[in-house]
Amino acid sequence: MANELDQIKRLREKTSAGMMDCKRALLEADGDMDKAIDVLRKKGIALAAKRASRSANQGIVTSYIHMNNKIGVLLEVNCETDFVAKNDMFQKFVKDISMQVAASAPTYLKTEDVPEEVVEKEKEIIKEQYKNKPEQAMEKIVEGGIKKFYAESCLLQQPFIKDPSVVIQDLLTDTIAKTGENIIIRRFTRYQLGEEI
């Protein structure tokens, strides 16, 4: 019994999931810690999808100024309750997103925000760059180029600056699962000293 409690405690420390969720995940994974983490992540993603329709009217507007005072970010992130808005995990997430915007300079929040004419222009550029490649390969080349464009231009598709193996959308989903509330990155503005307006 003591060993089971230790496992639950360790899993809870690693994932921030509730005690009963950790107990169920360990049972489902036959005591395997890595499998239990996977079980919790899968359930978290499913829960995050369910929570996506819930209203998120609370949250914070924050600012982040880079050390040299040459880059600044204004960011609004919403959640469902004031309680979560004051939670350390939520605050850390918001700070991480502010730093991400400062460092990676996304133009759009998500892929759906990119105007169709911008996507078409990008496709033309890719086709021109690879015009000497075989025609049958062009579709895959364009697809890969657009995916790369989204990863550079759209905040939710960008690799997280603190852990490039994770994209911001996954970080958001994970935070939704851990806080138990819907969280929406609403909008951001990035300023860089001397930048053309």
Protein backbone atom coordinates (compact mmCIF):
# COMPACT_ATOMS: atom_id res chain seq x y z
CA MET A 1 0.00 0.00 0.00
CA ALA A 2 2.86 2.40 0.93
CA ASN A 3 4.52 1.63 -2.41
CA GLU A 4 1.28 2.40 -4.26
CA LEU A 5 0.95 5.74 -2.44
CA ASP A 6 4.57 6.58 -3.30
CA GLN A 7 3.87 5.87 -6.96
CA ILE A 8 0.74 8.01 -6.91
CA LYS A 9 2.67 10.82 -5.23
CA ARG A 10 5.51 10.60 -7.78
CA LEU A 11 3.07 10.58 -10.70
CA ARG A 12 1.22 13.55 -9.23
CA GLU A 13 4.50 15.49 -8.85
CA LYS A 14 5.40 14.76 -12.49
CA THR A 15 2.02 15.62 -14.00
CA SER A 16 0.14 17.86 -11.50
CA ALA A 17 -2.90 15.60 -12.05
CA GLY A 18 -5.34 14.86 -9.23
CA MET A 19 -4.77 11.96 -6.81
CA MET A 20 -7.65 9.85 -8.12
CA ASP A 21 -6.64 10.48 -11.74
CA CYS A 22 -3.10 9.34 -10.90
CA LYS A 23 -4.41 6.24 -9.12
CA ARG A 24 -6.64 5.31 -12.08
CA ALA A 25 -3.83 5.94 -14.58
CA LEU A 26 -1.42 3.72 -12.63
CA LEU A 27 -4.04 0.96 -12.46
CA GLU A 28 -4.66 1.23 -16.20
CA ALA A 29 -0.90 1.14 -16.87
CA ASP A 30 -0.26 -1.79 -14.48
CA GLY A 31 2.02 0.38 -12.34
CA ASP A 32 4.25 1.49 -15.24
CA MET A 33 5.05 5.18 -14.58
CA ASP A 34 5.77 6.12 -18.23
CA LYS A 35 2.59 4.43 -19.47
CA ALA A 36 0.60 6.14 -16.68
CA ILE A 37 1.94 9.52 -17.84
CA ASP A 38 0.81 8.67 -21.40
CA VAL A 39 -2.65 7.69 -20.09
CA LEU A 40 -2.95 11.02 -18.27
CA ARG A 41 -1.76 12.98 -21.31
CA LYS A 42 -4.31 11.26 -23.57
CA LYS A 43 -7.10 11.94 -21.09
CA GLY A 44 -5.87 15.53 -20.72
CA ILE A 45 -6.05 16.08 -24.47
CA ALA A 46 -9.58 14.65 -24.55
CA LEU A 47 -10.61 16.84 -21.61
CA ALA A 48 -9.02 19.90 -23.23
CA ALA A 49 -11.07 19.26 -26.37
CA LYS A 50 -14.26 19.07 -24.25
CA ARG A 51 -13.35 22.29 -22.44
CA ALA A 52 -12.72 24.21 -25.67
CA SER A 53 -16.41 25.13 -25.97
CA ARG A 54 -16.59 26.58 -22.45
CA SER A 55 -16.60 30.35 -21.98
CA ALA A 56 -13.30 31.95 -20.94
CA ASN A 57 -13.93 35.55 -19.82
CA GLN A 58 -11.36 35.85 -17.05
CA GLY A 59 -7.58 35.89 -17.37
CA ILE A 60 -4.91 38.55 -17.66
CA VAL A 61 -3.40 41.11 -19.96
CA THR A 62 0.33 41.22 -19.37
CA SER A 63 3.39 42.93 -20.74
CA TYR A 64 6.88 41.60 -21.22
CA ILE A 65 9.90 43.77 -21.95
CA HIS A 66 13.04 42.02 -23.11
CA MET A 67 16.21 42.71 -21.07
CA ASN A 68 17.68 45.26 -23.48
CA ASN A 69 14.41 47.27 -23.63
CA LYS A 70 14.29 46.89 -27.42
CA ILE A 71 11.47 44.33 -27.67
CA GLY A 72 8.11 44.52 -25.88
CA VAL A 73 5.03 42.29 -25.91
CA LEU A 74 1.42 42.87 -24.87
CA LEU A 75 -0.52 39.64 -24.45
CA GLU A 76 -4.06 38.66 -23.44
CA VAL A 77 -4.69 35.12 -22.20
CA ASN A 78 -8.16 34.11 -20.99
CA CYS A 79 -9.38 31.39 -18.64
CA GLU A 80 -12.72 30.57 -17.02
CA THR A 81 -12.22 31.82 -13.46
CA ASP A 82 -10.32 34.49 -11.56
CA PHE A 83 -9.02 31.71 -9.31
CA VAL A 84 -7.08 30.11 -12.18
CA ALA A 85 -5.95 33.53 -13.46
CA LYS A 86 -4.13 33.98 -10.15
CA ASN A 87 -2.76 30.41 -10.15
CA ASP A 88 1.06 30.07 -10.42
CA MET A 89 0.82 27.52 -13.24
CA PHE A 90 -1.36 29.85 -15.33
CA GLN A 91 0.91 32.83 -14.60
CA LYS A 92 3.99 30.83 -15.64
CA PHE A 93 2.26 29.75 -18.85
CA VAL A 94 1.39 33.38 -19.69
CA LYS A 95 4.98 34.47 -18.99
CA ASP A 96 6.32 31.68 -21.21
CA ILE A 97 3.98 32.73 -24.03
CA SER A 98 5.09 36.37 -23.67
CA MET A 99 8.72 35.30 -23.93
CA GLN A 100 7.86 33.10 -26.93
CA VAL A 101 6.29 36.05 -28.77
CA ALA A 102 9.30 38.26 -27.96
CA ALA A 103 11.83 35.64 -29.10
CA SER A 104 10.06 34.08 -32.10
CA ALA A 105 8.13 37.06 -33.50
CA PRO A 106 5.01 35.25 -34.77
CA THR A 107 2.82 37.21 -37.16
CA TYR A 108 -0.39 35.25 -36.55
CA LEU A 109 -1.94 33.37 -33.64
CA LYS A 110 -3.10 30.29 -35.58
CA THR A 111 -3.05 28.92 -39.13
CA GLU A 112 -6.69 29.93 -39.70
CA ASP A 113 -5.68 33.57 -39.18
CA VAL A 114 -3.31 33.59 -42.17
CA PRO A 115 -5.07 35.25 -45.14
CA GLU A 116 -5.50 32.98 -48.17
CA GLU A 117 -3.58 35.42 -50.39
CA VAL A 118 -0.56 35.17 -48.05
CA VAL A 119 -0.65 31.37 -48.26
CA GLU A 120 -0.94 31.48 -52.07
CA LYS A 121 1.97 33.92 -52.33
CA GLU A 122 4.06 31.64 -50.10
CA LYS A 123 3.21 28.66 -52.34
CA GLU A 124 4.34 30.62 -55.41
CA ILE A 125 7.65 31.47 -53.72
CA ILE A 126 8.22 27.81 -52.80
CA LYS A 127 7.42 26.66 -56.35
CA GLU A 128 9.85 29.24 -57.74
CA GLN A 129 12.60 28.16 -55.32
CA TYR A 130 12.20 24.49 -56.32
CA LYS A 131 11.25 24.91 -59.99
CA ASN A 132 14.02 22.49 -61.05
CA LYS A 133 12.56 19.66 -58.96
CA PRO A 134 10.40 16.97 -60.62
CA GLU A 135 6.73 17.93 -61.05
CA GLN A 136 5.51 14.83 -59.13
CA ALA A 137 7.55 15.95 -56.07
CA MET A 138 6.25 19.53 -56.13
CA GLU A 139 3.06 18.85 -54.14
CA LYS A 140 5.05 17.37 -51.23
CA ILE A 141 7.63 20.18 -51.42
CA VAL A 142 4.91 22.86 -51.28
CA GLU A 143 3.13 21.04 -48.44
CA GLY A 144 6.38 20.86 -46.44
CA GLY A 145 7.18 24.50 -47.20
CA ILE A 146 3.77 25.69 -46.01
CA LYS A 147 4.09 23.61 -42.85
CA LYS A 148 7.47 25.28 -42.20
CA PHE A 149 5.94 28.71 -42.93
CA TYR A 150 3.18 28.05 -40.36
CA ALA A 151 5.75 26.88 -37.79
CA GLU A 152 7.60 30.17 -38.19
CA SER A 153 4.61 32.55 -38.55
CA CYS A 154 1.85 31.13 -36.32
CA LEU A 155 2.32 31.21 -32.55
CA LEU A 156 0.38 27.98 -31.87
CA GLN A 157 2.50 26.06 -34.44
CA GLN A 158 5.88 27.33 -33.20
CA PRO A 159 8.30 25.09 -31.31
CA PHE A 160 8.44 26.21 -27.66
CA ILE A 161 11.66 28.17 -27.04
CA LYS A 162 12.31 26.34 -23.75
CA ASP A 163 11.67 22.88 -25.26
CA PRO A 164 11.65 22.73 -29.09
CA SER A 165 10.22 19.18 -29.02
CA VAL A 166 6.90 20.75 -27.90
CA VAL A 167 4.80 23.14 -30.00
CA ILE A 168 2.85 25.94 -28.33
CA GLN A 169 -0.51 24.26 -29.13
CA ASP A 170 0.62 21.18 -27.14
CA LEU A 171 1.81 23.39 -24.27
CA LEU A 172 -1.61 25.09 -24.27
CA THR A 173 -3.45 21.74 -24.31
CA ASP A 174 -1.29 20.46 -21.45
CA THR A 175 -1.98 23.60 -19.39
CA ILE A 176 -5.74 23.25 -20.02
CA ALA A 177 -5.57 19.64 -18.79
CA LYS A 178 -3.61 20.61 -15.67
CA THR A 179 -5.72 23.62 -14.68
CA GLY A 180 -9.04 21.97 -15.54
CA GLU A 181 -10.23 25.09 -17.36
CA ASN A 182 -10.49 26.29 -20.92
CA ILE A 183 -7.60 28.63 -21.72
CA ILE A 184 -7.46 30.84 -24.81
CA ILE A 185 -4.52 32.84 -26.05
CA ARG A 186 -6.68 35.73 -27.24
CA ARG A 187 -4.26 38.17 -28.87
CA PHE A 188 -0.78 39.63 -28.80
CA THR A 189 1.20 42.57 -30.10
CA ARG A 190 4.98 42.63 -30.42
CA TYR A 191 6.98 45.84 -30.63
CA GLN A 192 10.59 46.07 -31.71
CA LEU A 193 12.56 49.29 -31.46
CA GLY A 194 13.11 50.87 -34.89
CA GLU A 195 10.78 48.44 -36.64
CA GLU A 196 8.96 49.69 -39.74
CA ILE A 197 5.31 50.41 -39.00
